Amino acid sequence: MTGLSSEQVTRFREDGYLLLEDAFDADVLDGLQTELTERIDRWCEQALGEGLLSDLLPDAPFDKRLALLSEQLENPGPLLAVVGGKLRTVGMFQILTHPDLLDIVQSVIGPEILAHPQFNSRA
């Protein structure tokens, strides 16, 4: 992607948001997805040992697994905290500094882009 079209910038400014399908290749997310999966797996192993979970759902698709795991829990808050909040990881940094994303941001605010070193994610 080489940034936003003038129509997309206008829509963003009018609506306050812009939904972009396929803004960059899905494989860009692989590193972050691996990091999140490892965090979830560690938490689930402990929760299984404590009797909080009955099934680790290792074969569930990434985009469904967290919701399916949450259904087993009386309080899913601790599980969601594992993947939420301020992630300071290589995978998150790679996404936030990806050239396609920076092109999109530059289309809206210009070439001087500053990113905070703590990155937030939401489950």
PDB file of N, CA and C in Angstrom:
ATOM      1  N   MET A   1       0.857  -1.181   0.000  1.00  0.00           N
ATOM      2  CA  MET A   1       0.000   0.000   0.000  1.00  0.00           C
ATOM      3  C   MET A   1       0.894   1.232   0.000  1.00  0.00           C
ATOM      4  N   THR A   2       0.468   2.246  -0.666  1.00  0.00           N
ATOM      5  CA  THR A   2       1.270   3.474  -0.749  1.00  0.00           C
ATOM      6  C   THR A   2       0.584   4.640  -0.060  1.00  0.00           C
ATOM      7  N   GLY A   3      -0.163   4.374   0.960  1.00  0.00           N
ATOM      8  CA  GLY A   3      -0.869   5.444   1.651  1.00  0.00           C
ATOM      9  C   GLY A   3      -2.324   5.492   1.242  1.00  0.00           C
ATOM     10  N   LEU A   4      -3.004   6.500   1.727  1.00  0.00           N
ATOM     11  CA  LEU A   4      -4.430   6.654   1.472  1.00  0.00           C
ATOM     12  C   LEU A   4      -4.680   7.551   0.275  1.00  0.00           C
ATOM     13  N   SER A   5      -5.794   7.307  -0.384  1.00  0.00           N
ATOM     14  CA  SER A   5      -6.221   8.197  -1.459  1.00  0.00           C
ATOM     15  C   SER A   5      -6.810   9.458  -0.831  1.00  0.00           C
ATOM     16  N   SER A   6      -6.976  10.493  -1.623  1.00  0.00           N
ATOM     17  CA  SER A   6      -7.560  11.731  -1.088  1.00  0.00           C
ATOM     18  C   SER A   6      -8.987  11.483  -0.607  1.00  0.00           C
ATOM     19  N   GLU A   7      -9.707  10.584  -1.280  1.00  0.00           N
ATOM     20  CA  GLU A   7     -11.074  10.251  -0.850  1.00  0.00           C
ATOM     21  C   GLU A   7     -11.061   9.563   0.520  1.00  0.00           C
ATOM     22  N   GLN A   8     -10.090   8.681   0.734  1.00  0.00           N
ATOM     23  CA  GLN A   8      -9.994   7.999   2.023  1.00  0.00           C
ATOM     24  C   GLN A   8      -9.622   8.971   3.138  1.00  0.00           C
ATOM     25  N   VAL A   9      -8.725   9.889   2.861  1.00  0.00           N
ATOM     26  CA  VAL A   9      -8.350  10.890   3.866  1.00  0.00           C
ATOM     27  C   VAL A   9      -9.564  11.745   4.216  1.00  0.00           C
ATOM     28  N   THR A  10     -10.321  12.154   3.217  1.00  0.00           N
ATOM     29  CA  THR A  10     -11.529  12.948   3.454  1.00  0.00           C
ATOM     30  C   THR A  10     -12.523  12.171   4.304  1.00  0.00           C
ATOM     31  N   ARG A  11     -12.742  10.911   3.964  1.00  0.00           N
ATOM     32  CA  ARG A  11     -13.678  10.083   4.728  1.00  0.00           C
ATOM     33  C   ARG A  11     -13.200   9.949   6.178  1.00  0.00           C
ATOM     34  N   PHE A  12     -11.893   9.742   6.372  1.00  0.00           N
ATOM     35  CA  PHE A  12     -11.346   9.639   7.725  1.00  0.00           C
ATOM     36  C   PHE A  12     -11.602  10.929   8.501  1.00  0.00           C
ATOM     37  N   ARG A  13     -11.352  12.047   7.881  1.00  0.00           N
ATOM     38  CA  ARG A  13     -11.524  13.336   8.577  1.00  0.00           C
ATOM     39  C   ARG A  13     -12.992  13.623   8.880  1.00  0.00           C
ATOM     40  N   GLU A  14     -13.878  13.190   8.003  1.00  0.00           N
ATOM     41  CA  GLU A  14     -15.310  13.421   8.226  1.00  0.00           C
ATOM     42  C   GLU A  14     -15.891  12.459   9.262  1.00  0.00           C
ATOM     43  N   ASP A  15     -15.502  11.188   9.178  1.00  0.00           N
ATOM     44  CA  ASP A  15     -16.097  10.160  10.034  1.00  0.00           C
ATOM     45  C   ASP A  15     -15.317   9.908  11.323  1.00  0.00           C
ATOM     46  N   GLY A  16     -14.045  10.287  11.341  1.00  0.00           N
ATOM     47  CA  GLY A  16     -13.225  10.041  12.519  1.00  0.00           C
ATOM     48  C   GLY A  16     -12.593   8.663  12.557  1.00  0.00           C
ATOM     49  N   TYR A  17     -12.873   7.856  11.568  1.00  0.00           N
ATOM     50  CA  TYR A  17     -12.258   6.535  11.461  1.00  0.00           C
ATOM     51  C   TYR A  17     -12.302   6.107   9.997  1.00  0.00           C
ATOM     52  N   LEU A  18     -11.537   5.089   9.680  1.00  0.00           N
ATOM     53  CA  LEU A  18     -11.517   4.550   8.323  1.00  0.00           C
ATOM     54  C   LEU A  18     -11.224   3.066   8.419  1.00  0.00           C
ATOM     55  N   LEU A  19     -12.110   2.263   7.889  1.00  0.00           N
ATOM     56  CA  LEU A  19     -11.911   0.818   7.874  1.00  0.00           C
ATOM     57  C   LEU A  19     -11.162   0.447   6.604  1.00  0.00           C
ATOM     58  N   LEU A  20      -9.968  -0.108   6.781  1.00  0.00           N
ATOM     59  CA  LEU A  20      -9.149  -0.521   5.645  1.00  0.00           C
ATOM     60  C   LEU A  20      -9.038  -2.038   5.638  1.00  0.00           C
ATOM     61  N   GLU A  21      -9.577  -2.657   4.623  1.00  0.00           N
ATOM     62  CA  GLU A  21      -9.432  -4.101   4.453  1.00  0.00           C
ATOM     63  C   GLU A  21      -8.074  -4.358   3.816  1.00  0.00           C
ATOM     64  N   ASP A  22      -7.348  -5.312   4.350  1.00  0.00           N
ATOM     65  CA  ASP A  22      -6.065  -5.714   3.765  1.00  0.00           C
ATOM     66  C   ASP A  22      -5.087  -4.547   3.617  1.00  0.00           C
ATOM     67  N   ALA A  23      -4.939  -3.758   4.672  1.00  0.00           N
ATOM     68  CA  ALA A  23      -4.013  -2.624   4.633  1.00  0.00           C
ATOM     69  C   ALA A  23      -2.578  -3.091   4.445  1.00  0.00           C
ATOM     70  N   PHE A  24      -2.271  -4.275   4.962  1.00  0.00           N
ATOM     71  CA  PHE A  24      -0.975  -4.893   4.699  1.00  0.00           C
ATOM     72  C   PHE A  24      -1.156  -6.402   4.736  1.00  0.00           C
ATOM     73  N   ASP A  25      -0.177  -7.131   4.253  1.00  0.00           N
ATOM     74  CA  ASP A  25      -0.261  -8.584   4.179  1.00  0.00           C
ATOM     75  C   ASP A  25      -0.438  -9.196   5.564  1.00  0.00           C
ATOM     76  N   ALA A  26      -1.233 -10.249   5.624  1.00  0.00           N
ATOM     77  CA  ALA A  26      -1.515 -10.912   6.897  1.00  0.00           C
ATOM     78  C   ALA A  26      -0.252 -11.434   7.574  1.00  0.00           C
ATOM     79  N   ASP A  27       0.761 -11.795   6.795  1.00  0.00           N
ATOM     80  CA  ASP A  27       1.984 -12.339   7.402  1.00  0.00           C
ATOM     81  C   ASP A  27       2.735 -11.304   8.239  1.00  0.00           C
ATOM     82  N   VAL A  28       2.392 -10.036   8.085  1.00  0.00           N
ATOM     83  CA  VAL A  28       2.992  -8.986   8.917  1.00  0.00           C
ATOM     84  C   VAL A  28       2.619  -9.218  10.384  1.00  0.00           C
ATOM     85  N   LEU A  29       1.470  -9.821  10.613  1.00  0.00           N
ATOM     86  CA  LEU A  29       0.990 -10.061  11.970  1.00  0.00           C
ATOM     87  C   LEU A  29       1.557 -11.329  12.600  1.00  0.00           C
ATOM     88  N   ASP A  30       2.283 -12.134  11.836  1.00  0.00           N
ATOM     89  CA  ASP A  30       2.757 -13.432  12.322  1.00  0.00           C
ATOM     90  C   ASP A  30       3.583 -13.334  13.602  1.00  0.00           C
ATOM     91  N   GLY A  31       4.512 -12.410  13.661  1.00  0.00           N
ATOM     92  CA  GLY A  31       5.362 -12.287  14.850  1.00  0.00           C
ATOM     93  C   GLY A  31       4.559 -11.965  16.094  1.00  0.00           C
ATOM     94  N   LEU A  32       3.648 -11.001  15.987  1.00  0.00           N
ATOM     95  CA  LEU A  32       2.822 -10.632  17.131  1.00  0.00           C
ATOM     96  C   LEU A  32       1.892 -11.781  17.506  1.00  0.00           C
ATOM     97  N   GLN A  33       1.330 -12.437  16.514  1.00  0.00           N
ATOM     98  CA  GLN A  33       0.441 -13.564  16.788  1.00  0.00           C
ATOM     99  C   GLN A  33       1.185 -14.674  17.535  1.00  0.00           C
ATOM    100  N   THR A  34       2.410 -14.942  17.145  1.00  0.00           N
ATOM    101  CA  THR A  34       3.217 -15.949  17.835  1.00  0.00           C
ATOM    102  C   THR A  34       3.467 -15.536  19.283  1.00  0.00           C
ATOM    103  N   GLU A  35       3.810 -14.275  19.497  1.00  0.00           N
ATOM    104  CA  GLU A  35       4.047 -13.781  20.859  1.00  0.00           C
ATOM    105  C   GLU A  35       2.792 -13.897  21.723  1.00  0.00           C
ATOM    106  N   LEU A  36       1.646 -13.511  21.170  1.00  0.00           N
ATOM    107  CA  LEU A  36       0.401 -13.587  21.930  1.00  0.00           C
ATOM    108  C   LEU A  36       0.029 -15.032  22.226  1.00  0.00           C
ATOM    109  N   THR A  37       0.222 -15.915  21.250  1.00  0.00           N
ATOM    110  CA  THR A  37      -0.073 -17.334  21.458  1.00  0.00           C
ATOM    111  C   THR A  37       0.786 -17.903  22.578  1.00  0.00           C
ATOM    112  N   GLU A  38       2.058 -17.545  22.615  1.00  0.00           N
ATOM    113  CA  GLU A  38       2.945 -18.024  23.683  1.00  0.00           C
ATOM    114  C   GLU A  38       2.483 -17.524  25.049  1.00  0.00           C
ATOM    115  N   ARG A  39       2.054 -16.279  25.131  1.00  0.00           N
ATOM    116  CA  ARG A  39       1.557 -15.730  26.397  1.00  0.00           C
ATOM    117  C   ARG A  39       0.293 -16.467  26.840  1.00  0.00           C
ATOM    118  N   ILE A  40      -0.618 -16.665  25.891  1.00  0.00           N
ATOM    119  CA  ILE A  40      -1.867 -17.369  26.196  1.00  0.00           C
ATOM    120  C   ILE A  40      -1.569 -18.794  26.648  1.00  0.00           C
ATOM    121  N   ASP A  41      -0.683 -19.478  25.931  1.00  0.00           N
ATOM    122  CA  ASP A  41      -0.339 -20.859  26.281  1.00  0.00           C
ATOM    123  C   ASP A  41       0.214 -20.956  27.701  1.00  0.00           C
ATOM    124  N   ARG A  42       1.120 -20.057  28.072  1.00  0.00           N
ATOM    125  CA  ARG A  42       1.700 -20.082  29.426  1.00  0.00           C
ATOM    126  C   ARG A  42       0.618 -19.890  30.489  1.00  0.00           C
ATOM    127  N   TRP A  43      -0.273 -18.915  30.260  1.00  0.00           N
ATOM    128  CA  TRP A  43      -1.334 -18.652  31.225  1.00  0.00           C
ATOM    129  C   TRP A  43      -2.265 -19.853  31.322  1.00  0.00           C
ATOM    130  N   CYS A  44      -2.599 -20.439  30.187  1.00  0.00           N
ATOM    131  CA  CYS A  44      -3.538 -21.566  30.166  1.00  0.00           C
ATOM    132  C   CYS A  44      -2.966 -22.800  30.861  1.00  0.00           C
ATOM    133  N   GLU A  45      -1.689 -23.054  30.694  1.00  0.00           N
ATOM    134  CA  GLU A  45      -1.063 -24.194  31.377  1.00  0.00           C
ATOM    135  C   GLU A  45      -1.196 -24.030  32.889  1.00  0.00           C
ATOM    136  N   GLN A  46      -0.954 -22.834  33.373  1.00  0.00           N
ATOM    137  CA  GLN A  46      -1.089 -22.572  34.805  1.00  0.00           C
ATOM    138  C   GLN A  46      -2.552 -22.703  35.235  1.00  0.00           C
ATOM    139  N   ALA A  47      -3.461 -22.133  34.445  1.00  0.00           N
ATOM    140  CA  ALA A  47      -4.888 -22.191  34.779  1.00  0.00           C
ATOM    141  C   ALA A  47      -5.402 -23.629  34.761  1.00  0.00           C
ATOM    142  N   LEU A  48      -4.902 -24.434  33.850  1.00  0.00           N
ATOM    143  CA  LEU A  48      -5.281 -25.846  33.796  1.00  0.00           C
ATOM    144  C   LEU A  48      -4.825 -26.548  35.078  1.00  0.00           C
ATOM    145  N   GLY A  49      -3.606 -26.276  35.499  1.00  0.00           N
ATOM    146  CA  GLY A  49      -3.081 -26.852  36.736  1.00  0.00           C
ATOM    147  C   GLY A  49      -3.874 -26.441  37.963  1.00  0.00           C
ATOM    148  N   GLU A  50      -4.452 -25.249  37.934  1.00  0.00           N
ATOM    149  CA  GLU A  50      -5.251 -24.750  39.057  1.00  0.00           C
ATOM    150  C   GLU A  50      -6.711 -25.165  38.950  1.00  0.00           C
ATOM    151  N   GLY A  51      -7.062 -25.873  37.889  1.00  0.00           N
ATOM    152  CA  GLY A  51      -8.437 -26.320  37.709  1.00  0.00           C
ATOM    153  C   GLY A  51      -9.376 -25.259  37.163  1.00  0.00           C
ATOM    154  N   LEU A  52      -8.836 -24.165  36.657  1.00  0.00           N
ATOM    155  CA  LEU A  52      -9.676 -23.092  36.115  1.00  0.00           C
ATOM    156  C   LEU A  52     -10.138 -23.387  34.692  1.00  0.00           C
ATOM    157  N   LEU A  53      -9.353 -24.167  33.969  1.00  0.00           N
ATOM    158  CA  LEU A  53      -9.684 -24.552  32.597  1.00  0.00           C
ATOM    159  C   LEU A  53      -9.763 -26.067  32.504  1.00  0.00           C
ATOM    160  N   SER A  54     -10.641 -26.538  31.611  1.00  0.00           N
ATOM    161  CA  SER A  54     -10.727 -27.976  31.378  1.00  0.00           C
ATOM    162  C   SER A  54     -10.130 -28.365  30.033  1.00  0.00           C
ATOM    163  N   ASP A  55      -9.975 -27.390  29.134  1.00  0.00           N
ATOM    164  CA  ASP A  55      -9.464 -27.671  27.790  1.00  0.00           C
ATOM    165  C   ASP A  55      -8.627 -26.480  27.331  1.00  0.00           C
ATOM    166  N   LEU A  56      -7.405 -26.747  26.888  1.00  0.00           N
ATOM    167  CA  LEU A  56      -6.518 -25.675  26.416  1.00  0.00           C
ATOM    168  C   LEU A  56      -6.837 -25.228  24.995  1.00  0.00           C
ATOM    169  N   LEU A  57      -7.644 -25.990  24.293  1.00  0.00           N
ATOM    170  CA  LEU A  57      -8.048 -25.669  22.918  1.00  0.00           C
ATOM    171  C   LEU A  57      -6.853 -25.335  22.020  1.00  0.00           C
ATOM    172  N   PRO A  58      -5.833 -26.172  22.012  1.00  0.00           N
ATOM    173  CA  PRO A  58      -4.630 -25.850  21.233  1.00  0.00           C
ATOM    174  C   PRO A  58      -4.851 -25.809  19.723  1.00  0.00           C
ATOM    175  N   ASP A  59      -5.908 -26.465  19.250  1.00  0.00           N
ATOM    176  CA  ASP A  59      -6.164 -26.498  17.809  1.00  0.00           C
ATOM    177  C   ASP A  59      -7.179 -25.456  17.353  1.00  0.00           C
ATOM    178  N   ALA A  60      -7.694 -24.670  18.284  1.00  0.00           N
ATOM    179  CA  ALA A  60      -8.656 -23.620  17.912  1.00  0.00           C
ATOM    180  C   ALA A  60      -7.935 -22.536  17.123  1.00  0.00           C
ATOM    181  N   PRO A  61      -8.608 -21.946  16.135  1.00  0.00           N
ATOM    182  CA  PRO A  61      -7.974 -20.869  15.366  1.00  0.00           C
ATOM    183  C   PRO A  61      -7.636 -19.677  16.268  1.00  0.00           C
ATOM    184  N   PHE A  62      -6.546 -19.005  15.935  1.00  0.00           N
ATOM    185  CA  PHE A  62      -6.089 -17.877  16.743  1.00  0.00           C
ATOM    186  C   PHE A  62      -7.202 -16.854  16.970  1.00  0.00           C
ATOM    187  N   ASP A  63      -7.955 -16.533  15.924  1.00  0.00           N
ATOM    188  CA  ASP A  63      -8.961 -15.475  16.033  1.00  0.00           C
ATOM    189  C   ASP A  63     -10.201 -15.896  16.824  1.00  0.00           C
ATOM    190  N   LYS A  64     -10.295 -17.159  17.231  1.00  0.00           N
ATOM    191  CA  LYS A  64     -11.446 -17.633  18.013  1.00  0.00           C
ATOM    192  C   LYS A  64     -11.035 -18.154  19.395  1.00  0.00           C
ATOM    193  N   ARG A  65      -9.782 -18.541  19.535  1.00  0.00           N
ATOM    194  CA  ARG A  65      -9.351 -19.259  20.737  1.00  0.00           C
ATOM    195  C   ARG A  65      -9.561 -18.470  22.025  1.00  0.00           C
ATOM    196  N   LEU A  66      -9.226 -17.208  22.042  1.00  0.00           N
ATOM    197  CA  LEU A  66      -9.353 -16.418  23.264  1.00  0.00           C
ATOM    198  C   LEU A  66     -10.807 -16.376  23.738  1.00  0.00           C
ATOM    199  N   ALA A  67     -11.734 -16.188  22.819  1.00  0.00           N
ATOM    200  CA  ALA A  67     -13.155 -16.162  23.181  1.00  0.00           C
ATOM    201  C   ALA A  67     -13.605 -17.526  23.698  1.00  0.00           C
ATOM    202  N   LEU A  68     -13.149 -18.591  23.048  1.00  0.00           N
ATOM    203  CA  LEU A  68     -13.525 -19.936  23.480  1.00  0.00           C
ATOM    204  C   LEU A  68     -12.950 -20.262  24.858  1.00  0.00           C
ATOM    205  N   LEU A  69     -11.719 -19.855  25.103  1.00  0.00           N
ATOM    206  CA  LEU A  69     -11.125 -20.055  26.425  1.00  0.00           C
ATOM    207  C   LEU A  69     -11.877 -19.253  27.482  1.00  0.00           C
ATOM    208  N   SER A  70     -12.246 -18.030  27.157  1.00  0.00           N
ATOM    209  CA  SER A  70     -12.953 -17.158  28.102  1.00  0.00           C
ATOM    210  C   SER A  70     -14.280 -17.755  28.538  1.00  0.00           C
ATOM    211  N   GLU A  71     -14.928 -18.492  27.630  1.00  0.00           N
ATOM    212  CA  GLU A  71     -16.216 -19.112  27.958  1.00  0.00           C
ATOM    213  C   GLU A  71     -16.083 -20.149  29.067  1.00  0.00           C
ATOM    214  N   GLN A  72     -14.902 -20.718  29.235  1.00  0.00           N
ATOM    215  CA  GLN A  72     -14.679 -21.725  30.279  1.00  0.00           C
ATOM    216  C   GLN A  72     -14.457 -21.096  31.654  1.00  0.00           C
ATOM    217  N   LEU A  73     -14.207 -19.810  31.684  1.00  0.00           N
ATOM    218  CA  LEU A  73     -13.787 -19.154  32.922  1.00  0.00           C
ATOM    219  C   LEU A  73     -14.920 -18.378  33.574  1.00  0.00           C
ATOM    220  N   GLU A  74     -14.992 -18.473  34.892  1.00  0.00           N
ATOM    221  CA  GLU A  74     -15.949 -17.659  35.633  1.00  0.00           C
ATOM    222  C   GLU A  74     -15.574 -16.179  35.522  1.00  0.00           C
ATOM    223  N   ASN A  75     -14.262 -15.905  35.585  1.00  0.00           N
ATOM    224  CA  ASN A  75     -13.747 -14.542  35.445  1.00  0.00           C
ATOM    225  C   ASN A  75     -12.637 -14.546  34.394  1.00  0.00           C
ATOM    226  N   PRO A  76     -12.937 -14.139  33.155  1.00  0.00           N
ATOM    227  CA  PRO A  76     -11.911 -14.153  32.114  1.00  0.00           C
ATOM    228  C   PRO A  76     -10.937 -12.977  32.186  1.00  0.00           C
ATOM    229  N   GLY A  77     -11.133 -12.069  33.110  1.00  0.00           N
ATOM    230  CA  GLY A  77     -10.286 -10.879  33.210  1.00  0.00           C
ATOM    231  C   GLY A  77      -8.793 -11.165  33.231  1.00  0.00           C
ATOM    232  N   PRO A  78      -8.331 -12.086  34.083  1.00  0.00           N
ATOM    233  CA  PRO A  78      -6.886 -12.370  34.108  1.00  0.00           C
ATOM    234  C   PRO A  78      -6.348 -12.902  32.780  1.00  0.00           C
ATOM    235  N   LEU A  79      -7.130 -13.709  32.088  1.00  0.00           N
ATOM    236  CA  LEU A  79      -6.694 -14.200  30.775  1.00  0.00           C
ATOM    237  C   LEU A  79      -6.601 -13.048  29.783  1.00  0.00           C
ATOM    238  N   LEU A  80      -7.599 -12.197  29.759  1.00  0.00           N
ATOM    239  CA  LEU A  80      -7.594 -11.074  28.820  1.00  0.00           C
ATOM    240  C   LEU A  80      -6.453 -10.108  29.116  1.00  0.00           C
ATOM    241  N   ALA A  81      -6.084  -9.993  30.388  1.00  0.00           N
ATOM    242  CA  ALA A  81      -4.968  -9.113  30.759  1.00  0.00           C
ATOM    243  C   ALA A  81      -3.643  -9.603  30.183  1.00  0.00           C
ATOM    244  N   VAL A  82      -3.545 -10.902  29.922  1.00  0.00           N
ATOM    245  CA  VAL A  82      -2.316 -11.478  29.367  1.00  0.00           C
ATOM    246  C   VAL A  82      -2.012 -10.904  27.985  1.00  0.00           C
ATOM    247  N   VAL A  83      -3.052 -10.619  27.210  1.00  0.00           N
ATOM    248  CA  VAL A  83      -2.848 -10.122  25.842  1.00  0.00           C
ATOM    249  C   VAL A  83      -3.204  -8.653  25.689  1.00  0.00           C
ATOM    250  N   GLY A  84      -3.702  -8.043  26.735  1.00  0.00           N
ATOM    251  CA  GLY A  84      -4.079  -6.639  26.657  1.00  0.00           C
ATOM    252  C   GLY A  84      -3.042  -5.757  27.317  1.00  0.00           C
ATOM    253  N   GLY A  85      -3.305  -4.491  27.262  1.00  0.00           N
ATOM    254  CA  GLY A  85      -2.425  -3.551  27.941  1.00  0.00           C
ATOM    255  C   GLY A  85      -1.227  -3.136  27.121  1.00  0.00           C
ATOM    256  N   LYS A  86      -0.185  -2.816  27.817  1.00  0.00           N
ATOM    257  CA  LYS A  86       1.008  -2.243  27.184  1.00  0.00           C
ATOM    258  C   LYS A  86       1.981  -3.346  26.784  1.00  0.00           C
ATOM    259  N   LEU A  87       1.936  -3.708  25.529  1.00  0.00           N
ATOM    260  CA  LEU A  87       2.841  -4.734  25.016  1.00  0.00           C
ATOM    261  C   LEU A  87       4.097  -4.084  24.475  1.00  0.00           C
ATOM    262  N   ARG A  88       5.215  -4.434  25.051  1.00  0.00           N
ATOM    263  CA  ARG A  88       6.507  -3.965  24.563  1.00  0.00           C
ATOM    264  C   ARG A  88       7.235  -5.173  23.996  1.00  0.00           C
ATOM    265  N   THR A  89       6.841  -5.534  22.784  1.00  0.00           N
ATOM    266  CA  THR A  89       7.394  -6.739  22.170  1.00  0.00           C
ATOM    267  C   THR A  89       7.929  -6.423  20.784  1.00  0.00           C
ATOM    268  N   VAL A  90       8.762  -7.303  20.303  1.00  0.00           N
ATOM    269  CA  VAL A  90       9.313  -7.160  18.956  1.00  0.00           C
ATOM    270  C   VAL A  90       8.191  -7.197  17.923  1.00  0.00           C
ATOM    271  N   GLY A  91       7.246  -8.120  18.085  1.00  0.00           N
ATOM    272  CA  GLY A  91       6.149  -8.240  17.127  1.00  0.00           C
ATOM    273  C   GLY A  91       5.311  -6.978  17.022  1.00  0.00           C
ATOM    274  N   MET A  92       4.997  -6.373  18.167  1.00  0.00           N
ATOM    275  CA  MET A  92       4.217  -5.133  18.156  1.00  0.00           C
ATOM    276  C   MET A  92       5.021  -4.012  17.513  1.00  0.00           C
ATOM    277  N   PHE A  93       6.304  -3.933  17.827  1.00  0.00           N
ATOM    278  CA  PHE A  93       7.157  -2.899  17.237  1.00  0.00           C
ATOM    279  C   PHE A  93       7.230  -3.056  15.716  1.00  0.00           C
ATOM    280  N   GLN A  94       7.320  -4.295  15.244  1.00  0.00           N
ATOM    281  CA  GLN A  94       7.395  -4.530  13.800  1.00  0.00           C
ATOM    282  C   GLN A  94       6.137  -4.063  13.083  1.00  0.00           C
ATOM    283  N   ILE A  95       4.996  -4.205  13.728  1.00  0.00           N
ATOM    284  CA  ILE A  95       3.750  -3.723  13.118  1.00  0.00           C
ATOM    285  C   ILE A  95       3.731  -2.203  13.096  1.00  0.00           C
ATOM    286  N   LEU A  96       4.048  -1.591  14.239  1.00  0.00           N
ATOM    287  CA  LEU A  96       3.968  -0.132  14.327  1.00  0.00           C
ATOM    288  C   LEU A  96       4.998   0.584  13.470  1.00  0.00           C
ATOM    289  N   THR A  97       6.033  -0.109  13.065  1.00  0.00           N
ATOM    290  CA  THR A  97       7.042   0.515  12.203  1.00  0.00           C
ATOM    291  C   THR A  97       6.997  -0.036  10.779  1.00  0.00           C
ATOM    292  N   HIS A  98       5.943  -0.768  10.471  1.00  0.00           N
ATOM    293  CA  HIS A  98       5.834  -1.346   9.127  1.00  0.00           C
ATOM    294  C   HIS A  98       5.618  -0.225   8.100  1.00  0.00           C
ATOM    295  N   PRO A  99       6.342  -0.260   6.992  1.00  0.00           N
ATOM    296  CA  PRO A  99       6.243   0.810   5.986  1.00  0.00           C
ATOM    297  C   PRO A  99       4.821   1.064   5.481  1.00  0.00           C
ATOM    298  N   ASP A 100       4.017   0.014   5.314  1.00  0.00           N
ATOM    299  CA  ASP A 100       2.649   0.228   4.832  1.00  0.00           C
ATOM    300  C   ASP A 100       1.817   1.012   5.842  1.00  0.00           C
ATOM    301  N   LEU A 101       1.966   0.691   7.125  1.00  0.00           N
ATOM    302  CA  LEU A 101       1.240   1.431   8.154  1.00  0.00           C
ATOM    303  C   LEU A 101       1.733   2.870   8.229  1.00  0.00           C
ATOM    304  N   LEU A 102       3.037   3.052   8.153  1.00  0.00           N
ATOM    305  CA  LEU A 102       3.587   4.410   8.192  1.00  0.00           C
ATOM    306  C   LEU A 102       3.119   5.236   6.995  1.00  0.00           C
ATOM    307  N   ASP A 103       2.978   4.615   5.831  1.00  0.00           N
ATOM    308  CA  ASP A 103       2.446   5.327   4.661  1.00  0.00           C
ATOM    309  C   ASP A 103       1.018   5.806   4.912  1.00  0.00           C
ATOM    310  N   ILE A 104       0.222   4.963   5.557  1.00  0.00           N
ATOM    311  CA  ILE A 104      -1.163   5.330   5.864  1.00  0.00           C
ATOM    312  C   ILE A 104      -1.185   6.509   6.832  1.00  0.00           C
ATOM    313  N   VAL A 105      -0.403   6.417   7.893  1.00  0.00           N
ATOM    314  CA  VAL A 105      -0.349   7.495   8.887  1.00  0.00           C
ATOM    315  C   VAL A 105       0.149   8.786   8.248  1.00  0.00           C
ATOM    316  N   GLN A 106       1.173   8.682   7.416  1.00  0.00           N
ATOM    317  CA  GLN A 106       1.720   9.867   6.749  1.00  0.00           C
ATOM    318  C   GLN A 106       0.667  10.544   5.878  1.00  0.00           C
ATOM    319  N   SER A 107      -0.227   9.774   5.287  1.00  0.00           N
ATOM    320  CA  SER A 107      -1.292  10.348   4.462  1.00  0.00           C
ATOM    321  C   SER A 107      -2.177  11.297   5.258  1.00  0.00           C
ATOM    322  N   VAL A 108      -2.282  11.052   6.549  1.00  0.00           N
ATOM    323  CA  VAL A 108      -3.179  11.833   7.399  1.00  0.00           C
ATOM    324  C   VAL A 108      -2.453  12.956   8.127  1.00  0.00           C
ATOM    325  N   ILE A 109      -1.250  12.674   8.672  1.00  0.00           N
ATOM    326  CA  ILE A 109      -0.597  13.681   9.519  1.00  0.00           C
ATOM    327  C   ILE A 109       0.704  14.228   8.954  1.00  0.00           C
ATOM    328  N   GLY A 110       1.152  13.693   7.842  1.00  0.00           N
ATOM    329  CA  GLY A 110       2.409  14.159   7.271  1.00  0.00           C
ATOM    330  C   GLY A 110       3.568  13.259   7.666  1.00  0.00           C
ATOM    331  N   PRO A 111       4.786  13.618   7.234  1.00  0.00           N
ATOM    332  CA  PRO A 111       5.928  12.722   7.386  1.00  0.00           C
ATOM    333  C   PRO A 111       6.554  12.662   8.783  1.00  0.00           C
ATOM    334  N   GLU A 112       6.213  13.575   9.655  1.00  0.00           N
ATOM    335  CA  GLU A 112       6.817  13.561  10.989  1.00  0.00           C
ATOM    336  C   GLU A 112       5.944  12.725  11.919  1.00  0.00           C
ATOM    337  N   ILE A 113       6.330  11.467  12.078  1.00  0.00           N
ATOM    338  CA  ILE A 113       5.542  10.501  12.841  1.00  0.00           C
ATOM    339  C   ILE A 113       6.325  10.101  14.081  1.00  0.00           C
ATOM    340  N   LEU A 114       5.672  10.171  15.225  1.00  0.00           N
ATOM    341  CA  LEU A 114       6.281   9.784  16.489  1.00  0.00           C
ATOM    342  C   LEU A 114       5.402   8.711  17.121  1.00  0.00           C
ATOM    343  N   ALA A 115       6.000   7.603  17.511  1.00  0.00           N
ATOM    344  CA  ALA A 115       5.264   6.530  18.185  1.00  0.00           C
ATOM    345  C   ALA A 115       5.795   6.387  19.600  1.00  0.00           C
ATOM    346  N   HIS A 116       4.902   6.199  20.533  1.00  0.00           N
ATOM    347  CA  HIS A 116       5.287   5.997  21.928  1.00  0.00           C
ATOM    348  C   HIS A 116       5.873   4.596  22.083  1.00  0.00           C
ATOM    349  N   PRO A 117       6.873   4.423  22.938  1.00  0.00           N
ATOM    350  CA  PRO A 117       7.516   3.115  23.064  1.00  0.00           C
ATOM    351  C   PRO A 117       6.670   2.056  23.776  1.00  0.00           C
ATOM    352  N   GLN A 118       5.542   2.421  24.357  1.00  0.00           N
ATOM    353  CA  GLN A 118       4.632   1.439  24.939  1.00  0.00           C
ATOM    354  C   GLN A 118       3.419   1.339  24.030  1.00  0.00           C
ATOM    355  N   PHE A 119       3.110   0.134  23.621  1.00  0.00           N
ATOM    356  CA  PHE A 119       2.041  -0.081  22.661  1.00  0.00           C
ATOM    357  C   PHE A 119       0.902  -0.813  23.340  1.00  0.00           C
ATOM    358  N   ASN A 120      -0.314  -0.382  23.106  1.00  0.00           N
ATOM    359  CA  ASN A 120      -1.479  -0.988  23.727  1.00  0.00           C
ATOM    360  C   ASN A 120      -2.176  -1.935  22.773  1.00  0.00           C
ATOM    361  N   SER A 121      -2.659  -3.025  23.328  1.00  0.00           N
ATOM    362  CA  SER A 121      -3.478  -3.948  22.554  1.00  0.00           C
ATOM    363  C   SER A 121      -4.751  -4.203  23.342  1.00  0.00           C
ATOM    364  N   ARG A 122      -5.759  -4.621  22.635  1.00  0.00           N
ATOM    365  CA  ARG A 122      -7.027  -4.947  23.284  1.00  0.00           C
ATOM    366  C   ARG A 122      -7.463  -6.327  22.840  1.00  0.00           C
ATOM    367  N   ALA A 123      -7.967  -7.071  23.795  1.00  0.00           N
ATOM    368  CA  ALA A 123      -8.466  -8.412  23.468  1.00  0.00           C
ATOM    369  C   ALA A 123      -9.897  -8.299  22.994  1.00  0.00           C
TER     370      ALA A 123
END
